[in-house]
Protein backbone atom coordinates (compact mmCIF):
# COMPACT_ATOMS: atom_id res chain seq x y z
CA MET A 1 -2.81 -10.44 1.11
CA HIS A 2 -6.02 -11.47 2.88
CA GLU A 3 -4.85 -15.08 3.26
CA ARG A 4 -1.58 -13.84 4.77
CA LYS A 5 -3.46 -11.67 7.27
CA GLN A 6 -5.82 -14.51 8.15
CA THR A 7 -2.90 -16.85 8.80
CA MET A 8 -1.23 -14.19 10.93
CA ALA A 9 -4.42 -13.74 12.93
CA ASP A 10 -4.92 -17.47 13.40
CA LEU A 11 -1.37 -18.03 14.70
CA ALA A 12 -0.97 -14.91 16.84
CA HIS A 13 -1.62 -14.52 20.55
CA ALA A 14 -1.35 -10.74 20.16
CA PHE A 15 -0.47 -8.22 17.47
CA VAL A 16 2.28 -5.62 17.56
CA ALA A 17 2.73 -2.93 14.95
CA MET A 18 6.14 -1.33 14.69
CA PRO A 19 6.96 1.74 12.60
CA GLY A 20 6.23 1.06 8.97
CA GLY A 21 4.34 2.20 5.91
CA PHE A 22 1.06 1.56 4.16
CA GLY A 23 1.26 -2.23 4.52
CA THR A 24 1.70 -1.86 8.27
CA PHE A 25 -1.23 0.56 8.47
CA ASP A 26 -3.39 -1.80 6.40
CA GLU A 27 -2.62 -4.77 8.63
CA LEU A 28 -3.03 -2.71 11.80
CA PHE A 29 -6.41 -1.27 10.92
CA GLU A 30 -7.74 -4.54 9.59
CA ILE A 31 -6.82 -6.35 12.80
CA VAL A 32 -8.27 -3.53 14.94
CA THR A 33 -11.47 -3.69 12.87
CA TRP A 34 -11.62 -7.46 13.42
CA ALA A 35 -11.40 -6.80 17.17
CA GLN A 36 -14.07 -4.11 16.85
CA ILE A 37 -16.52 -6.54 15.23
CA ALA A 38 -15.53 -9.46 17.50
CA ILE A 39 -13.72 -11.63 14.95
CA HIS A 40 -10.92 -11.95 17.53
CA SER A 41 -10.31 -10.90 21.13
CA LYS A 42 -6.52 -10.62 21.04
CA PRO A 43 -4.62 -7.51 22.15
CA VAL A 44 -3.30 -5.07 19.57
CA GLY A 45 -0.23 -3.04 20.42
CA LEU A 46 1.71 -0.17 18.91
CA LEU A 47 5.42 0.06 19.65
CA ASP A 48 5.64 3.84 19.52
CA THR A 49 9.37 4.10 18.84
CA ASP A 50 10.53 7.72 19.07
CA GLY A 51 6.87 8.85 18.98
CA TYR A 52 6.36 7.44 15.48
CA PHE A 53 2.72 6.53 16.08
CA GLY A 54 1.85 9.78 17.91
CA PRO A 55 0.16 11.33 14.87
CA LEU A 56 -1.75 8.10 14.18
CA VAL A 57 -2.98 7.93 17.79
CA ALA A 58 -3.94 11.61 17.52
CA LEU A 59 -5.96 10.76 14.40
CA VAL A 60 -7.77 7.97 16.27
CA ASP A 61 -8.49 10.40 19.13
CA HIS A 62 -9.74 12.94 16.59
CA ALA A 63 -12.07 10.34 15.05
CA ILE A 64 -13.41 9.67 18.55
CA ALA A 65 -13.88 13.40 19.23
CA GLU A 66 -15.73 13.79 15.92
CA GLY A 67 -18.04 10.87 16.76
CA PHE A 68 -16.83 8.44 14.11
CA VAL A 69 -15.34 5.97 16.59
CA PRO A 70 -17.00 5.18 19.93
CA ALA A 71 -14.74 6.28 22.81
CA ASP A 72 -14.67 2.84 24.43
CA GLN A 73 -12.99 1.43 21.33
CA ARG A 74 -9.84 3.47 22.02
CA ALA A 75 -8.97 0.68 24.47
CA LEU A 76 -8.50 -1.67 21.50
CA LEU A 77 -5.05 -0.10 20.96
CA VAL A 78 -2.32 -0.57 23.56
CA VAL A 79 0.39 2.02 22.97
CA ARG A 80 3.80 2.06 24.64
CA ARG A 81 7.21 3.52 23.73
CA ASP A 82 9.19 0.73 25.41
CA ALA A 83 9.07 -2.83 24.02
CA GLU A 84 9.19 -4.53 27.42
CA GLU A 85 6.40 -2.30 28.76
CA LEU A 86 4.32 -3.04 25.67
CA LEU A 87 4.77 -6.81 26.07
CA ASP A 88 3.81 -6.55 29.76
CA ALA A 89 0.72 -4.51 28.89
CA LEU A 90 -0.29 -6.99 26.20
CA ALA A 91 0.17 -9.91 28.61
CA ALA A 92 -2.10 -8.17 31.14
CA TYR A 93 -4.63 -7.07 28.52
CA VAL A 94 -8.30 -7.64 29.21
CA LEU A 95 -10.60 -7.14 26.26
CA PRO A 96 -12.78 -4.12 26.96
CA VAL A 97 -16.52 -4.54 26.99
CA LEU A 98 -17.51 -2.59 23.92
CA GLY A 99 -20.77 -0.80 23.50
CA ARG A 100 -21.91 0.03 20.01
CA LYS A 101 -19.99 -1.16 16.98
CA TRP A 102 -21.35 1.55 14.73
CA VAL A 103 -22.24 5.20 14.95
CA GLU A 104 -25.53 6.06 13.33
CA PRO A 105 -25.43 8.99 10.85
CA LYS A 106 -27.90 10.99 12.95
CA GLU A 107 -25.48 10.77 15.90
CA ARG A 108 -22.55 12.46 14.13
């Protein structure tokens, strides 16, 4: 699985997750983590068909509110309901300047 993800990352100009299951979530969060720790600087998008990813985005926002994810890292996910709008947003994407990669335990 790791070799498949590495090949995908090497060949991609951007990443788009569409509604799926655990494999999709695994690939999505691994590629977001790679962006978080500067392994790549490519945009990561969610095609939020019929609001499918709404609960996942809410979970990310909850992790930010609880202090487990720095707020500036929310910009690592580009979320749109329309495919054309998502592709336009990914084409215009500028990697955010991220502050801290980690949250210290005393900061939680």
